[in-house]
Amino acid sequence: MNTLITCATSGMGSQIARALTEDNLILTGRDRDKLQTLCEFSENSTIPVELDFFNPESIQSAATNIANGGKLDRIVFIIPRIPPSSNIFPSDEEWADLYKNYFINPLSLLRQLFEANAVSDGAKMVLISGISSKSALTHYATNNCLRSAWLGQAKAMALTLGEKRISVNTLSLGGVMTESYTEKMKNKALSQNISFDELMKNEVSNVPLQKYASIDDVVGAVVALLGPLTNHMTGQNIMLDGGFFKGY
């Protein structure tokens, strides 16, 4: 089983990679040393591929290296973190940069892989997204637009690639207690002179399950979407948000 994980050196990507060590992994990231360290955990063949989603030449080179590793059976597609912004009217130049870096460039990697016939029929694809793909958030104005673009693309791919039995689903995350986010919350608690537990109780008060997801929660959902669960499921936007989204 050949599995591609992009942004694999991120906190989330690395944990997903460690959960799939029985696969032949192709891991991408910008930091060569982090990639090499991550590869040491794998039980089978692991191919590290340097990839900078902000650099078209890097994407082209990475696409070639990935395609040379054999046809992909599973893809976990993570893009760099989109910076939060409440600005509803960015300049034309700002919009162009945002769409280039967080949509057009990353999408070109998928395009080049399909053009190279590097994805197996019956493959499973999981695109990692955020809850702004489902519910507009005030402080994530640009995310609302970019996540919606990815959601539309995922739906379009699901429709077109269905004839090849390729499933394409989106996993939209709410709050996740990554190492960096946990540290951020600890610092916030200190600044407010309250305990971490008290802060988190306030933070999750609008989440029905009264907690944010753990990394293990995310990993479990990704692994499920890469397995038999999606044999007859495609084009779905799965929410992993503890019930935060209240719509039908």
Protein backbone atom coordinates (compact mmCIF):
# COMPACT_ATOMS: atom_id res chain seq x y z
CA MET A 1 0.00 0.00 0.00
CA ASN A 2 1.63 3.26 -1.15
CA THR A 3 0.52 6.25 0.93
CA LEU A 4 1.34 9.92 0.34
CA ILE A 5 1.18 12.36 3.26
CA THR A 6 1.85 16.02 2.51
CA CYS A 7 3.11 18.44 5.18
CA ALA A 8 4.14 15.28 7.01
CA THR A 9 6.57 17.09 9.30
CA SER A 10 3.76 19.12 10.88
CA GLY A 11 2.58 18.00 14.30
CA MET A 12 -0.55 16.48 12.83
CA GLY A 13 1.12 15.06 9.73
CA SER A 14 3.85 13.32 11.69
CA GLN A 15 1.35 11.58 13.98
CA ILE A 16 -0.67 10.38 10.98
CA ALA A 17 2.55 9.05 9.44
CA ARG A 18 3.40 7.15 12.63
CA ALA A 19 -0.04 5.53 12.56
CA LEU A 20 0.52 4.26 9.01
CA THR A 21 4.01 2.80 9.35
CA GLU A 22 2.89 -0.52 7.87
CA ASP A 23 2.37 1.27 4.54
CA ASN A 24 5.03 2.26 2.05
CA LEU A 25 5.08 5.96 2.87
CA ILE A 26 5.93 8.95 0.73
CA LEU A 27 6.32 11.91 3.08
CA THR A 28 6.66 15.53 2.02
CA GLY A 29 7.86 18.55 3.94
CA ARG A 30 10.10 21.59 3.69
CA ASP A 31 12.62 20.53 6.34
CA ARG A 32 14.96 17.78 5.13
CA ASP A 33 16.23 16.91 8.63
CA LYS A 34 12.70 16.55 10.04
CA LEU A 35 11.77 14.34 7.09
CA GLN A 36 14.76 12.06 7.66
CA THR A 37 13.95 11.77 11.38
CA LEU A 38 10.33 10.93 10.61
CA CYS A 39 11.37 8.25 8.12
CA GLU A 40 13.22 6.37 10.86
CA PHE A 41 9.89 5.42 12.48
CA SER A 42 8.58 3.56 9.45
CA GLU A 43 8.54 -0.24 9.32
CA ASN A 44 8.54 -0.40 5.51
CA SER A 45 9.84 1.64 2.60
CA THR A 46 9.69 5.38 3.20
CA ILE A 47 10.53 8.03 0.62
CA PRO A 48 11.20 11.57 1.90
CA VAL A 49 10.34 14.27 -0.64
CA GLU A 50 11.20 17.91 -0.08
CA LEU A 51 8.23 20.08 -0.97
CA ASP A 52 7.54 23.78 -0.55
CA PHE A 53 3.94 24.52 -1.54
CA PHE A 54 4.85 28.19 -2.00
CA ASN A 55 7.37 27.34 -4.75
CA PRO A 56 6.09 26.06 -8.15
CA GLU A 57 9.50 24.61 -9.05
CA SER A 58 9.58 22.65 -5.78
CA ILE A 59 6.08 21.34 -6.51
CA GLN A 60 7.07 20.20 -9.99
CA SER A 61 10.17 18.42 -8.68
CA ALA A 62 8.20 16.81 -5.86
CA ALA A 63 5.49 15.58 -8.24
CA THR A 64 8.14 13.84 -10.34
CA ASN A 65 9.76 12.23 -7.30
CA ILE A 66 6.41 11.09 -5.91
CA ALA A 67 5.33 9.61 -9.25
CA ASN A 68 8.63 7.71 -9.47
CA GLY A 69 7.82 6.03 -6.14
CA GLY A 70 4.98 3.97 -7.61
CA LYS A 71 1.24 4.43 -7.92
CA LEU A 72 -0.48 5.90 -4.88
CA ASP A 73 -3.20 3.94 -3.10
CA ARG A 74 -3.92 6.48 -0.36
CA ILE A 75 -3.40 10.23 -0.11
CA VAL A 76 -3.59 12.39 3.01
CA PHE A 77 -3.53 15.93 1.68
CA ILE A 78 -2.53 18.58 4.21
CA ILE A 79 -1.75 22.14 3.16
CA PRO A 80 0.20 24.74 5.18
CA ARG A 81 -1.77 26.49 7.92
CA ILE A 82 -3.77 29.39 6.51
CA PRO A 83 -3.08 32.50 8.62
CA PRO A 84 -6.24 33.74 10.39
CA SER A 85 -7.59 37.12 9.36
CA SER A 86 -10.78 39.08 10.03
CA ASN A 87 -10.18 41.35 7.02
CA ILE A 88 -13.12 40.88 4.64
CA PHE A 89 -11.58 43.13 1.98
CA PRO A 90 -7.93 42.20 1.40
CA SER A 91 -6.24 43.97 -1.50
CA ASP A 92 -6.18 42.32 -4.92
CA GLU A 93 -2.51 41.50 -4.40
CA GLU A 94 -3.20 39.91 -1.00
CA TRP A 95 -6.01 37.79 -2.45
CA ALA A 96 -3.79 36.70 -5.34
CA ASP A 97 -1.04 35.60 -2.95
CA LEU A 98 -3.47 33.77 -0.67
CA TYR A 99 -5.09 31.80 -3.48
CA LYS A 100 -1.75 31.09 -5.11
CA ASN A 101 -0.10 29.78 -1.93
CA TYR A 102 -3.02 27.97 -0.31
CA PHE A 103 -5.08 26.77 -3.28
CA ILE A 104 -3.56 27.04 -6.76
CA ASN A 105 -0.04 25.84 -5.90
CA PRO A 106 -1.09 22.90 -3.68
CA LEU A 107 -3.75 21.88 -6.21
CA SER A 108 -1.10 21.82 -8.94
CA LEU A 109 0.62 18.95 -7.11
CA LEU A 110 -2.54 16.84 -7.35
CA ARG A 111 -2.99 17.85 -10.99
CA GLN A 112 0.54 16.79 -11.89
CA LEU A 113 0.17 13.47 -10.07
CA PHE A 114 -3.00 12.63 -11.99
CA GLU A 115 -1.45 13.78 -15.26
CA ALA A 116 1.43 11.39 -14.56
CA ASN A 117 -1.08 8.58 -13.91
CA ALA A 118 0.45 8.22 -10.45
CA VAL A 119 -2.80 7.50 -8.58
CA SER A 120 -4.27 3.99 -8.54
CA ASP A 121 -7.85 3.22 -9.47
CA GLY A 122 -9.74 2.68 -6.22
CA ALA A 123 -7.45 5.03 -4.29
CA LYS A 124 -8.64 6.81 -1.13
CA MET A 125 -8.05 10.56 -0.71
CA VAL A 126 -8.57 12.55 2.47
CA LEU A 127 -8.21 16.33 2.36
CA ILE A 128 -7.64 17.92 5.76
CA SER A 129 -9.69 21.10 6.15
CA GLY A 130 -11.24 23.24 8.88
CA ILE A 131 -14.75 23.99 10.14
CA SER A 132 -14.81 27.27 8.19
CA SER A 133 -15.56 25.02 5.20
CA LYS A 134 -18.96 24.44 6.79
CA SER A 135 -19.64 27.44 9.00
CA ALA A 136 -18.33 30.97 8.41
CA LEU A 137 -16.15 32.27 11.24
CA THR A 138 -15.65 35.98 11.95
CA HIS A 139 -11.93 35.84 12.68
CA TYR A 140 -11.22 33.54 9.73
CA ALA A 141 -12.61 35.64 6.88
CA THR A 142 -10.04 34.58 4.28
CA ASN A 143 -10.14 30.98 5.53
CA ASN A 144 -13.89 30.96 4.85
CA CYS A 145 -13.19 31.63 1.17
CA LEU A 146 -10.16 29.37 0.76
CA ARG A 147 -11.75 26.43 2.58
CA SER A 148 -14.85 26.82 0.41
CA ALA A 149 -12.68 26.69 -2.71
CA TRP A 150 -11.12 23.43 -1.53
CA LEU A 151 -14.51 22.00 -0.66
CA GLY A 152 -15.79 22.75 -4.15
CA GLN A 153 -12.67 21.19 -5.66
CA ALA A 154 -13.06 18.06 -3.52
CA LYS A 155 -16.69 17.71 -4.62
CA ALA A 156 -15.72 18.15 -8.27
CA MET A 157 -12.93 15.56 -7.99
CA ALA A 158 -15.28 13.12 -6.27
CA LEU A 159 -17.75 13.39 -9.15
CA THR A 160 -15.16 13.02 -11.90
CA LEU A 161 -12.90 10.43 -10.29
CA GLY A 162 -15.79 8.24 -9.17
CA GLU A 163 -15.65 6.27 -12.41
CA LYS A 164 -12.18 5.14 -11.32
CA ARG A 165 -13.56 4.22 -7.87
CA ILE A 166 -11.38 6.91 -6.30
CA SER A 167 -13.02 8.29 -3.17
CA VAL A 168 -12.36 11.91 -2.23
CA ASN A 169 -13.51 13.10 1.18
CA THR A 170 -12.78 16.13 3.34
CA LEU A 171 -12.12 16.02 7.08
CA SER A 172 -12.90 19.42 8.59
CA LEU A 173 -11.37 20.00 11.99
CA GLY A 174 -12.53 22.17 14.84
CA GLY A 175 -10.20 22.85 17.75
CA VAL A 176 -7.35 20.34 17.99
CA MET A 177 -4.98 20.12 20.94
CA THR A 178 -1.77 20.06 18.98
CA GLU A 179 1.45 20.72 20.84
CA SER A 180 1.62 24.30 19.55
CA TYR A 181 -2.04 25.04 20.35
CA THR A 182 -1.72 23.55 23.84
CA GLU A 183 1.28 25.78 24.48
CA LYS A 184 -0.67 28.78 23.20
CA MET A 185 -3.53 28.01 25.61
CA LYS A 186 -1.12 27.61 28.53
CA ASN A 187 0.35 31.03 27.82
CA LYS A 188 -3.15 32.49 27.53
CA ALA A 189 -4.05 31.03 30.94
CA LEU A 190 -0.94 32.59 32.46
CA SER A 191 -1.76 35.99 30.97
CA GLN A 192 -5.28 35.80 32.43
CA ASN A 193 -3.96 34.54 35.78
CA ILE A 194 -6.20 31.46 35.74
CA SER A 195 -5.48 27.75 35.62
CA PHE A 196 -5.14 25.90 32.33
CA ASP A 197 -8.13 23.69 33.21
CA GLU A 198 -10.28 26.72 33.99
CA LEU A 199 -9.31 28.36 30.70
CA MET A 200 -10.09 25.23 28.68
CA LYS A 201 -13.48 24.88 30.40
CA ASN A 202 -14.33 28.35 29.12
CA GLU A 203 -12.84 27.70 25.67
CA VAL A 204 -14.96 24.61 25.00
CA SER A 205 -18.19 25.87 26.59
CA ASN A 206 -19.80 26.17 23.12
CA VAL A 207 -18.78 22.63 22.09
CA PRO A 208 -21.40 19.98 22.97
CA LEU A 209 -18.77 17.34 23.81
CA GLN A 210 -17.05 19.91 26.05
CA LYS A 211 -13.58 19.30 24.64
CA TYR A 212 -11.34 19.85 21.65
CA ALA A 213 -10.05 16.94 19.60
CA SER A 214 -6.82 15.21 20.52
CA ILE A 215 -4.27 14.36 17.84
CA ASP A 216 -5.29 10.73 18.32
CA ASP A 217 -8.89 11.67 17.51
CA VAL A 218 -7.74 13.17 14.21
CA VAL A 219 -5.48 10.23 13.39
CA GLY A 220 -8.30 7.77 14.07
CA ALA A 221 -10.65 9.66 11.75
CA VAL A 222 -8.07 9.84 8.96
CA VAL A 223 -7.26 6.14 9.21
CA ALA A 224 -10.98 5.32 9.08
CA LEU A 225 -11.50 7.45 5.97
CA LEU A 226 -8.58 5.67 4.29
CA GLY A 227 -10.16 2.28 4.96
CA PRO A 228 -13.32 0.27 4.18
CA LEU A 229 -15.52 3.04 5.62
CA THR A 230 -15.21 4.94 2.32
CA ASN A 231 -15.67 2.00 -0.04
CA HIS A 232 -19.06 3.54 -0.87
CA MET A 233 -18.52 7.09 0.39
CA THR A 234 -17.17 10.01 -1.60
CA GLY A 235 -17.60 13.77 -1.84
CA GLN A 236 -18.39 14.10 1.86
CA ASN A 237 -17.26 16.85 4.21
CA ILE A 238 -16.87 15.13 7.59
CA MET A 239 -16.90 17.39 10.64
CA LEU A 240 -14.59 16.55 13.55
CA ASP A 241 -15.60 19.39 15.83
CA GLY A 242 -17.23 17.89 18.91
CA GLY A 243 -20.65 19.02 17.67
CA PHE A 244 -19.73 22.72 17.32
CA PHE A 245 -21.53 22.98 13.96
CA LYS A 246 -25.24 22.92 14.71
CA GLY A 247 -26.68 22.80 11.18
CA TYR A 248 -28.29 19.78 9.59
